[in-house]
Amino acid sequence: MFLSLGAIIIVMVLSVGFTGMCSFNKDTAENGPVREVDPDTFIEIESGAMNFPLHMPDMPEDWVPNSARRTSIAGEPAPAIGWVVRKDAYVQLVQTGVEAQEAVKGFDEHPREEEGSRKVGDITVTTYGSDERDVRPVMVADLGSSRLLVSGAASQEDFDAVIKATAEAPVVGKN
């Protein structure tokens, strides 16, 4: 029985190995390369589908854009871009036309309460947080006809950099 099982395992390993559909990496996933996406093209395409202005921030070279997707905020479509910052932090930017209070409620399933406001340049940024464990705060900046929702696992300076760069960026596309 053990010989039969051993033969089956050897045949399985050889079969799967030759397909090329598996790999072995002795390094941990945290040390692997970050998969990069093209957020400029994504925002350009999304700008034609949104009924509010979109901005594409110019971020530092060591910020690697690793995600760009359309999400939903309070039932409305909203583009989201994420960056890996210096390989040890993550910042996500969501742009929406939904009003701030509704946007925070619709960000995810976790309730958040207003914790305070501060200025980032000329922009008032309101932070919403939760007492629940593992619920990240969301910072909301109102740009008039759109709102920025910024979250992730990074420093306050990184969040502020995204808000400032996005607010200073020109409107993309036809909006």
N, C-alpha and C. Protein backbone atom coordinates (compact mmCIF):
# COMPACT_ATOMS: atom_id res chain seq x y z
N MET A 1 0.82 -1.19 0.00
CA MET A 1 0.00 0.00 0.00
C MET A 1 0.87 1.26 0.00
N PHE A 2 1.94 1.26 0.81
CA PHE A 2 2.82 2.43 0.86
C PHE A 2 3.56 2.63 -0.46
N LEU A 3 3.92 1.54 -1.11
CA LEU A 3 4.59 1.65 -2.41
C LEU A 3 3.64 2.24 -3.46
N SER A 4 2.39 1.82 -3.44
CA SER A 4 1.40 2.37 -4.38
C SER A 4 1.18 3.85 -4.13
N LEU A 5 1.05 4.22 -2.87
CA LEU A 5 0.86 5.63 -2.52
C LEU A 5 2.08 6.45 -2.93
N GLY A 6 3.26 5.93 -2.70
CA GLY A 6 4.49 6.62 -3.09
C GLY A 6 4.56 6.82 -4.60
N ALA A 7 4.18 5.79 -5.36
CA ALA A 7 4.18 5.89 -6.82
C ALA A 7 3.18 6.95 -7.30
N ILE A 8 2.02 6.98 -6.68
CA ILE A 8 1.00 7.97 -7.06
C ILE A 8 1.50 9.38 -6.78
N ILE A 9 2.14 9.59 -5.64
CA ILE A 9 2.66 10.92 -5.29
C ILE A 9 3.75 11.34 -6.27
N ILE A 10 4.64 10.43 -6.63
CA ILE A 10 5.71 10.77 -7.59
C ILE A 10 5.12 11.13 -8.94
N VAL A 11 4.15 10.35 -9.42
CA VAL A 11 3.50 10.66 -10.71
C VAL A 11 2.79 12.00 -10.64
N MET A 12 2.12 12.28 -9.52
CA MET A 12 1.41 13.55 -9.38
C MET A 12 2.39 14.74 -9.39
N VAL A 13 3.48 14.64 -8.64
CA VAL A 13 4.46 15.72 -8.58
C VAL A 13 5.07 15.96 -9.96
N LEU A 14 5.42 14.91 -10.66
CA LEU A 14 5.98 15.06 -12.00
C LEU A 14 4.96 15.66 -12.98
N SER A 15 3.74 15.20 -12.91
CA SER A 15 2.70 15.71 -13.81
C SER A 15 2.44 17.19 -13.58
N VAL A 16 2.28 17.56 -12.34
CA VAL A 16 2.01 18.96 -12.02
C VAL A 16 3.23 19.82 -12.31
N GLY A 17 4.40 19.30 -12.03
CA GLY A 17 5.63 20.06 -12.27
C GLY A 17 5.84 20.40 -13.74
N PHE A 18 5.50 19.47 -14.64
CA PHE A 18 5.69 19.71 -16.07
C PHE A 18 4.66 20.66 -16.66
N THR A 19 3.55 20.88 -15.99
CA THR A 19 2.55 21.81 -16.54
C THR A 19 2.99 23.25 -16.43
N GLY A 20 3.89 23.54 -15.50
CA GLY A 20 4.33 24.92 -15.31
C GLY A 20 3.33 25.75 -14.54
N MET A 21 2.33 25.13 -13.96
CA MET A 21 1.29 25.87 -13.28
C MET A 21 1.54 25.99 -11.78
N CYS A 22 2.73 25.68 -11.37
CA CYS A 22 3.09 25.85 -9.96
C CYS A 22 4.53 26.34 -9.90
N SER A 23 4.86 26.91 -8.80
CA SER A 23 6.23 27.40 -8.64
C SER A 23 6.61 27.30 -7.17
N PHE A 24 7.89 27.39 -6.93
CA PHE A 24 8.40 27.37 -5.57
C PHE A 24 9.29 28.58 -5.39
N ASN A 25 9.02 29.34 -4.36
CA ASN A 25 9.83 30.51 -4.05
C ASN A 25 10.21 30.42 -2.59
N LYS A 26 11.50 30.27 -2.33
CA LYS A 26 11.94 30.10 -0.95
C LYS A 26 11.79 31.37 -0.14
N ASP A 27 11.69 32.53 -0.81
CA ASP A 27 11.48 33.78 -0.09
C ASP A 27 10.03 33.88 0.36
N THR A 28 9.78 34.66 1.38
CA THR A 28 8.41 34.87 1.83
C THR A 28 7.70 35.83 0.88
N ALA A 29 6.40 35.79 0.88
CA ALA A 29 5.60 36.66 0.00
C ALA A 29 5.87 38.13 0.31
N GLU A 30 6.16 38.45 1.55
CA GLU A 30 6.40 39.84 1.93
C GLU A 30 7.65 40.40 1.28
N ASN A 31 8.59 39.51 0.91
CA ASN A 31 9.84 39.98 0.30
C ASN A 31 9.82 39.90 -1.21
N GLY A 32 8.74 39.42 -1.77
CA GLY A 32 8.65 39.28 -3.21
C GLY A 32 8.41 40.62 -3.89
N PRO A 33 8.52 40.65 -5.21
CA PRO A 33 8.28 41.90 -5.94
C PRO A 33 6.81 42.30 -5.88
N VAL A 34 6.57 43.59 -5.90
CA VAL A 34 5.21 44.12 -5.90
C VAL A 34 4.72 44.17 -7.33
N ARG A 35 3.55 43.64 -7.57
CA ARG A 35 2.96 43.67 -8.90
C ARG A 35 2.48 45.09 -9.18
N GLU A 36 2.94 45.67 -10.25
CA GLU A 36 2.64 47.06 -10.56
C GLU A 36 1.52 47.17 -11.60
N VAL A 37 0.64 48.16 -11.41
CA VAL A 37 -0.44 48.43 -12.35
C VAL A 37 -0.27 49.84 -12.93
N ASP A 38 -1.08 50.18 -13.92
CA ASP A 38 -1.02 51.49 -14.56
C ASP A 38 -2.23 52.32 -14.11
N PRO A 39 -2.10 53.08 -13.03
CA PRO A 39 -3.24 53.84 -12.53
C PRO A 39 -3.64 55.01 -13.44
N ASP A 40 -2.69 55.54 -14.19
CA ASP A 40 -2.99 56.67 -15.08
C ASP A 40 -4.02 56.27 -16.14
N THR A 41 -3.78 55.15 -16.78
CA THR A 41 -4.72 54.66 -17.80
C THR A 41 -6.06 54.32 -17.16
N PHE A 42 -6.02 53.69 -16.00
CA PHE A 42 -7.26 53.33 -15.31
C PHE A 42 -8.10 54.58 -15.02
N ILE A 43 -7.50 55.62 -14.46
CA ILE A 43 -8.25 56.84 -14.12
C ILE A 43 -8.73 57.53 -15.39
N GLU A 44 -7.94 57.51 -16.44
CA GLU A 44 -8.36 58.10 -17.72
C GLU A 44 -9.61 57.41 -18.24
N ILE A 45 -9.63 56.09 -18.19
CA ILE A 45 -10.80 55.33 -18.64
C ILE A 45 -11.99 55.59 -17.73
N GLU A 46 -11.77 55.56 -16.42
CA GLU A 46 -12.86 55.76 -15.46
C GLU A 46 -13.45 57.17 -15.54
N SER A 47 -12.66 58.15 -15.93
CA SER A 47 -13.15 59.53 -15.97
C SER A 47 -14.33 59.68 -16.93
N GLY A 48 -14.37 58.87 -17.97
CA GLY A 48 -15.48 58.94 -18.90
C GLY A 48 -16.76 58.33 -18.37
N ALA A 49 -16.65 57.50 -17.33
CA ALA A 49 -17.82 56.82 -16.79
C ALA A 49 -18.36 57.45 -15.51
N MET A 50 -17.63 58.39 -14.94
CA MET A 50 -18.05 58.98 -13.67
C MET A 50 -18.73 60.33 -13.90
N ASN A 51 -19.66 60.67 -13.01
CA ASN A 51 -20.35 61.96 -13.12
C ASN A 51 -19.79 62.99 -12.14
N PHE A 52 -18.55 62.81 -11.75
CA PHE A 52 -17.82 63.74 -10.89
C PHE A 52 -16.37 63.77 -11.39
N PRO A 53 -15.63 64.84 -11.09
CA PRO A 53 -14.26 64.94 -11.60
C PRO A 53 -13.31 63.99 -10.88
N LEU A 54 -12.41 63.40 -11.66
CA LEU A 54 -11.37 62.52 -11.11
C LEU A 54 -10.02 63.21 -11.24
N HIS A 55 -9.15 62.92 -10.30
CA HIS A 55 -7.79 63.45 -10.29
C HIS A 55 -6.82 62.28 -10.20
N MET A 56 -5.68 62.39 -10.87
CA MET A 56 -4.64 61.37 -10.77
C MET A 56 -3.43 61.99 -10.11
N PRO A 57 -3.19 61.66 -8.83
CA PRO A 57 -2.06 62.26 -8.13
C PRO A 57 -0.72 61.77 -8.67
N ASP A 58 0.27 62.62 -8.61
CA ASP A 58 1.63 62.27 -8.99
C ASP A 58 2.35 61.91 -7.70
N MET A 59 2.58 60.61 -7.50
CA MET A 59 3.16 60.14 -6.25
C MET A 59 4.66 59.90 -6.40
N PRO A 60 5.39 59.87 -5.28
CA PRO A 60 6.85 59.66 -5.33
C PRO A 60 7.23 58.35 -6.01
N GLU A 61 8.47 58.29 -6.50
CA GLU A 61 8.97 57.12 -7.22
C GLU A 61 8.92 55.83 -6.40
N ASP A 62 9.13 55.95 -5.07
CA ASP A 62 9.16 54.73 -4.26
C ASP A 62 7.77 54.24 -3.86
N TRP A 63 6.72 54.89 -4.37
CA TRP A 63 5.35 54.43 -4.17
C TRP A 63 4.98 53.59 -5.39
N VAL A 64 4.70 52.31 -5.18
CA VAL A 64 4.40 51.41 -6.29
C VAL A 64 2.89 51.20 -6.36
N PRO A 65 2.26 51.64 -7.47
CA PRO A 65 0.82 51.39 -7.62
C PRO A 65 0.58 49.91 -7.86
N ASN A 66 -0.14 49.27 -6.94
CA ASN A 66 -0.33 47.83 -7.07
C ASN A 66 -1.79 47.42 -7.25
N SER A 67 -2.71 48.39 -7.23
CA SER A 67 -4.11 48.03 -7.46
C SER A 67 -4.87 49.21 -8.04
N ALA A 68 -5.76 48.91 -8.95
CA ALA A 68 -6.64 49.90 -9.56
C ALA A 68 -7.92 49.17 -9.93
N ARG A 69 -9.02 49.57 -9.30
CA ARG A 69 -10.27 48.86 -9.52
C ARG A 69 -11.45 49.80 -9.30
N ARG A 70 -12.58 49.39 -9.82
CA ARG A 70 -13.81 50.13 -9.56
C ARG A 70 -14.50 49.46 -8.39
N THR A 71 -14.87 50.26 -7.42
CA THR A 71 -15.59 49.76 -6.26
C THR A 71 -16.93 50.47 -6.19
N SER A 72 -17.66 50.25 -5.14
CA SER A 72 -18.95 50.90 -4.96
C SER A 72 -18.97 51.59 -3.61
N ILE A 73 -19.36 52.85 -3.62
CA ILE A 73 -19.51 53.62 -2.38
C ILE A 73 -20.97 54.06 -2.32
N ALA A 74 -21.68 53.56 -1.32
CA ALA A 74 -23.10 53.88 -1.14
C ALA A 74 -23.89 53.63 -2.43
N GLY A 75 -23.56 52.54 -3.11
CA GLY A 75 -24.28 52.16 -4.32
C GLY A 75 -23.84 52.87 -5.59
N GLU A 76 -22.87 53.76 -5.49
CA GLU A 76 -22.38 54.51 -6.66
C GLU A 76 -20.99 54.00 -7.03
N PRO A 77 -20.66 53.94 -8.33
CA PRO A 77 -19.32 53.50 -8.72
C PRO A 77 -18.26 54.51 -8.29
N ALA A 78 -17.10 53.98 -7.89
CA ALA A 78 -16.01 54.82 -7.42
C ALA A 78 -14.68 54.14 -7.73
N PRO A 79 -13.76 54.83 -8.39
CA PRO A 79 -12.45 54.24 -8.66
C PRO A 79 -11.57 54.23 -7.41
N ALA A 80 -10.82 53.15 -7.24
CA ALA A 80 -9.91 53.00 -6.10
C ALA A 80 -8.53 52.64 -6.62
N ILE A 81 -7.53 53.31 -6.07
CA ILE A 81 -6.13 53.05 -6.42
C ILE A 81 -5.38 52.79 -5.13
N GLY A 82 -4.48 51.80 -5.15
CA GLY A 82 -3.67 51.50 -3.98
C GLY A 82 -2.19 51.54 -4.31
N TRP A 83 -1.41 51.96 -3.35
CA TRP A 83 0.05 52.02 -3.49
C TRP A 83 0.72 51.29 -2.34
N VAL A 84 1.78 50.56 -2.65
CA VAL A 84 2.68 50.04 -1.64
C VAL A 84 3.73 51.13 -1.44
N VAL A 85 3.88 51.56 -0.20
CA VAL A 85 4.76 52.68 0.12
C VAL A 85 6.02 52.15 0.80
N ARG A 86 7.16 52.35 0.16
CA ARG A 86 8.45 51.92 0.70
C ARG A 86 8.46 50.46 1.14
N LYS A 87 7.68 49.62 0.47
CA LYS A 87 7.61 48.17 0.69
C LYS A 87 7.10 47.75 2.07
N ASP A 88 6.67 48.71 2.91
CA ASP A 88 6.21 48.29 4.23
C ASP A 88 4.89 48.92 4.64
N ALA A 89 4.28 49.67 3.75
CA ALA A 89 3.01 50.33 4.07
C ALA A 89 2.12 50.31 2.83
N TYR A 90 0.83 50.58 3.06
CA TYR A 90 -0.14 50.57 1.96
C TYR A 90 -1.11 51.73 2.14
N VAL A 91 -1.39 52.44 1.06
CA VAL A 91 -2.35 53.54 1.06
C VAL A 91 -3.34 53.30 -0.07
N GLN A 92 -4.63 53.47 0.24
CA GLN A 92 -5.68 53.34 -0.77
C GLN A 92 -6.43 54.66 -0.89
N LEU A 93 -6.65 55.08 -2.13
CA LEU A 93 -7.42 56.29 -2.44
C LEU A 93 -8.66 55.90 -3.21
N VAL A 94 -9.83 56.32 -2.71
CA VAL A 94 -11.09 56.13 -3.41
C VAL A 94 -11.66 57.52 -3.68
N GLN A 95 -12.09 57.76 -4.92
CA GLN A 95 -12.71 59.03 -5.27
C GLN A 95 -14.19 58.77 -5.53
N THR A 96 -15.04 59.65 -4.99
CA THR A 96 -16.48 59.45 -5.13
C THR A 96 -17.21 60.78 -5.22
N GLY A 97 -18.39 60.74 -5.79
CA GLY A 97 -19.26 61.91 -5.84
C GLY A 97 -20.28 61.90 -4.72
N VAL A 98 -20.29 60.85 -3.91
CA VAL A 98 -21.23 60.70 -2.80
C VAL A 98 -20.82 61.65 -1.67
N GLU A 99 -21.81 62.22 -0.98
CA GLU A 99 -21.53 63.11 0.15
C GLU A 99 -20.75 62.37 1.23
N ALA A 100 -19.98 63.10 2.01
CA ALA A 100 -19.03 62.52 2.96
C ALA A 100 -19.65 61.52 3.93
N GLN A 101 -20.73 61.89 4.59
CA GLN A 101 -21.33 60.99 5.59
C GLN A 101 -21.78 59.67 4.95
N GLU A 102 -22.42 59.77 3.79
CA GLU A 102 -22.88 58.56 3.10
C GLU A 102 -21.69 57.75 2.57
N ALA A 103 -20.64 58.44 2.15
CA ALA A 103 -19.45 57.75 1.65
C ALA A 103 -18.79 56.93 2.74
N VAL A 104 -18.70 57.47 3.93
CA VAL A 104 -18.10 56.73 5.05
C VAL A 104 -18.97 55.53 5.41
N LYS A 105 -20.29 55.72 5.44
CA LYS A 105 -21.19 54.59 5.73
C LYS A 105 -21.07 53.51 4.66
N GLY A 106 -20.87 53.92 3.40
CA GLY A 106 -20.80 52.97 2.30
C GLY A 106 -19.41 52.46 1.99
N PHE A 107 -18.40 52.89 2.75
CA PHE A 107 -17.02 52.48 2.47
C PHE A 107 -16.84 50.97 2.62
N ASP A 108 -17.34 50.42 3.71
CA ASP A 108 -17.36 48.98 3.93
C ASP A 108 -18.43 48.68 4.97
N GLU A 109 -18.45 47.47 5.47
CA GLU A 109 -19.52 47.08 6.40
C GLU A 109 -19.28 47.54 7.83
N HIS A 110 -18.15 48.17 8.11
CA HIS A 110 -17.82 48.58 9.47
C HIS A 110 -18.30 50.00 9.77
N PRO A 111 -19.03 50.19 10.86
CA PRO A 111 -19.44 51.55 11.23
C PRO A 111 -18.26 52.34 11.79
N ARG A 112 -18.22 53.62 11.46
CA ARG A 112 -17.17 54.50 11.95
C ARG A 112 -17.80 55.79 12.46
N GLU A 113 -17.15 56.38 13.43
CA GLU A 113 -17.60 57.65 14.00
C GLU A 113 -16.55 58.72 13.70
N GLU A 114 -17.01 59.95 13.59
CA GLU A 114 -16.09 61.07 13.36
C GLU A 114 -15.18 61.24 14.57
N GLU A 115 -13.87 61.31 14.32
CA GLU A 115 -12.90 61.44 15.40
C GLU A 115 -12.28 62.83 15.46
N GLY A 116 -12.40 63.58 14.38
CA GLY A 116 -11.82 64.92 14.38
C GLY A 116 -11.44 65.36 12.99
N SER A 117 -11.06 66.63 12.90
CA SER A 117 -10.68 67.22 11.62
C SER A 117 -9.34 67.92 11.76
N ARG A 118 -8.68 68.08 10.65
CA ARG A 118 -7.42 68.81 10.59
C ARG A 118 -7.27 69.37 9.18
N LYS A 119 -6.32 70.23 9.00
CA LYS A 119 -6.06 70.83 7.69
C LYS A 119 -4.86 70.15 7.04
N VAL A 120 -5.01 69.86 5.76
CA VAL A 120 -3.90 69.41 4.92
C VAL A 120 -3.82 70.46 3.82
N GLY A 121 -2.91 71.37 3.96
CA GLY A 121 -2.89 72.53 3.06
C GLY A 121 -4.13 73.35 3.32
N ASP A 122 -4.91 73.60 2.28
CA ASP A 122 -6.16 74.35 2.41
C ASP A 122 -7.38 73.44 2.55
N ILE A 123 -7.17 72.15 2.63
CA ILE A 123 -8.26 71.18 2.63
C ILE A 123 -8.53 70.69 4.04
N THR A 124 -9.80 70.65 4.41
CA THR A 124 -10.19 70.07 5.69
C THR A 124 -10.35 68.57 5.52
N VAL A 125 -9.65 67.82 6.36
CA VAL A 125 -9.70 66.36 6.32
C VAL A 125 -10.33 65.88 7.62
N THR A 126 -11.38 65.09 7.49
CA THR A 126 -12.07 64.55 8.65
C THR A 126 -11.74 63.06 8.75
N THR A 127 -11.36 62.63 9.95
CA THR A 127 -11.01 61.24 10.19
C THR A 127 -12.18 60.53 10.86
N TYR A 128 -12.51 59.36 10.34
CA TYR A 128 -13.56 58.51 10.89
C TYR A 128 -12.91 57.21 11.35
N GLY A 129 -13.18 56.81 12.58
CA GLY A 129 -12.58 55.60 13.12
C GLY A 129 -13.59 54.74 13.83
N SER A 130 -13.10 53.60 14.31
CA SER A 130 -13.95 52.64 14.99
C SER A 130 -13.20 52.06 16.17
N ASP A 131 -13.95 51.64 17.18
CA ASP A 131 -13.36 50.95 18.33
C ASP A 131 -13.16 49.47 18.04
N GLU A 132 -13.72 48.98 16.93
CA GLU A 132 -13.56 47.58 16.57
C GLU A 132 -12.12 47.29 16.20
N ARG A 133 -11.68 46.12 16.57
CA ARG A 133 -10.31 45.71 16.25
C ARG A 133 -10.18 45.48 14.75
N ASP A 134 -9.05 45.83 14.19
CA ASP A 134 -8.72 45.62 12.78
C ASP A 134 -9.58 46.43 11.81
N VAL A 135 -10.22 47.49 12.28
CA VAL A 135 -10.95 48.39 11.39
C VAL A 135 -10.10 49.65 11.23
N ARG A 136 -9.65 49.88 10.01
CA ARG A 136 -8.77 51.02 9.75
C ARG A 136 -9.57 52.31 9.66
N PRO A 137 -8.97 53.40 10.10
CA PRO A 137 -9.65 54.69 9.96
C PRO A 137 -9.74 55.10 8.49
N VAL A 138 -10.70 55.95 8.20
CA VAL A 138 -10.87 56.50 6.86
C VAL A 138 -10.79 58.02 6.98
N MET A 139 -9.94 58.62 6.16
CA MET A 139 -9.83 60.08 6.11
C MET A 139 -10.60 60.57 4.90
N VAL A 140 -11.44 61.58 5.10
CA VAL A 140 -12.27 62.10 4.03
C VAL A 140 -11.92 63.56 3.78
N ALA A 141 -11.65 63.87 2.52
CA ALA A 141 -11.37 65.24 2.10
C ALA A 141 -12.43 65.63 1.07
N ASP A 142 -13.09 66.75 1.30
CA ASP A 142 -14.13 67.23 0.40
C ASP A 142 -13.51 68.22 -0.57
N LEU A 143 -13.56 67.90 -1.87
CA LEU A 143 -13.01 68.78 -2.90
C LEU A 143 -14.10 69.57 -3.61
N GLY A 144 -15.28 69.62 -3.02
CA GLY A 144 -16.38 70.36 -3.62
C GLY A 144 -17.31 69.43 -4.37
N SER A 145 -16.96 69.08 -5.61
CA SER A 145 -17.82 68.20 -6.39
C SER A 145 -17.42 66.73 -6.27
N SER A 146 -16.41 66.44 -5.48
CA SER A 146 -16.03 65.04 -5.22
C SER A 146 -15.41 64.93 -3.84
N ARG A 147 -15.36 63.70 -3.35
CA ARG A 147 -14.75 63.41 -2.06
C ARG A 147 -13.63 62.40 -2.25
N LEU A 148 -12.57 62.54 -1.44
CA LEU A 148 -11.48 61.59 -1.41
C LEU A 148 -11.60 60.79 -0.12
N LEU A 149 -11.54 59.48 -0.21
CA LEU A 149 -11.51 58.61 0.96
C LEU A 149 -10.17 57.90 0.94
N VAL A 150 -9.40 58.10 2.00
CA VAL A 150 -8.06 57.55 2.06
C VAL A 150 -7.97 56.65 3.29
N SER A 151 -7.43 55.46 3.08
CA SER A 151 -7.29 54.49 4.18
C SER A 151 -6.07 53.63 3.89
N GLY A 152 -5.80 52.72 4.80
CA GLY A 152 -4.70 51.79 4.61
C GLY A 152 -3.91 51.57 5.87
N ALA A 153 -2.70 51.10 5.68
CA ALA A 153 -1.79 50.84 6.80
C ALA A 153 -0.50 51.60 6.53
N ALA A 154 -0.52 52.88 6.86
CA ALA A 154 0.63 53.74 6.59
C ALA A 154 0.67 54.85 7.64
N SER A 155 1.62 55.75 7.50
CA SER A 155 1.74 56.86 8.44
C SER A 155 0.79 57.99 8.05
N GLN A 156 0.53 58.86 8.99
CA GLN A 156 -0.32 60.03 8.73
C GLN A 156 0.28 60.88 7.61
N GLU A 157 1.59 60.98 7.56
CA GLU A 157 2.26 61.75 6.51
C GLU A 157 1.98 61.17 5.13
N ASP A 158 1.93 59.84 5.04
CA ASP A 158 1.63 59.19 3.76
C ASP A 158 0.19 59.47 3.32
N PHE A 159 -0.74 59.38 4.27
CA PHE A 159 -2.13 59.69 3.95
C PHE A 159 -2.27 61.14 3.50
N ASP A 160 -1.61 62.05 4.22
CA ASP A 160 -1.66 63.47 3.87
C ASP A 160 -1.04 63.72 2.50
N ALA A 161 0.02 62.98 2.16
CA ALA A 161 0.67 63.15 0.86
C ALA A 161 -0.29 62.79 -0.27
N VAL A 162 -1.08 61.73 -0.10
CA VAL A 162 -2.05 61.33 -1.13
C VAL A 162 -3.12 62.41 -1.27
N ILE A 163 -3.63 62.89 -0.16
CA ILE A 163 -4.69 63.91 -0.19
C ILE A 163 -4.18 65.18 -0.87
N LYS A 164 -3.01 65.63 -0.48
CA LYS A 164 -2.44 66.87 -1.04
C LYS A 164 -2.17 66.71 -2.53
N ALA A 165 -1.53 65.59 -2.92
CA ALA A 165 -1.20 65.38 -4.33
C ALA A 165 -2.45 65.24 -5.19
N THR A 166 -3.49 64.60 -4.67
CA THR A 166 -4.72 64.42 -5.44
C THR A 166 -5.44 65.75 -5.59
N ALA A 167 -5.52 66.53 -4.53
CA ALA A 167 -6.21 67.83 -4.59
C ALA A 167 -5.49 68.79 -5.53
N GLU A 168 -4.18 68.67 -5.63
CA GLU A 168 -3.41 69.57 -6.50
C GLU A 168 -3.36 69.09 -7.95
N ALA A 169 -3.71 67.83 -8.20
CA ALA A 169 -3.66 67.27 -9.55
C ALA A 169 -4.79 67.84 -10.40
N PRO A 170 -4.54 68.04 -11.69
CA PRO A 170 -5.61 68.52 -12.56
C PRO A 170 -6.68 67.46 -12.76
N VAL A 171 -7.86 67.91 -13.16
CA VAL A 171 -8.95 66.99 -13.46
C VAL A 171 -8.57 66.19 -14.70
N VAL A 172 -8.83 64.88 -14.65
CA VAL A 172 -8.51 63.98 -15.75
C VAL A 172 -9.72 63.84 -16.66
N GLY A 173 -9.46 63.79 -17.97
CA GLY A 173 -10.53 63.50 -18.93
C GLY A 173 -11.46 64.66 -19.16
N LYS A 174 -12.69 64.32 -19.50
CA LYS A 174 -13.67 65.31 -19.94
C LYS A 174 -14.45 65.98 -18.82
N ASN A 175 -14.30 65.51 -17.57
CA ASN A 175 -15.08 66.07 -16.46
C ASN A 175 -14.79 67.52 -16.20
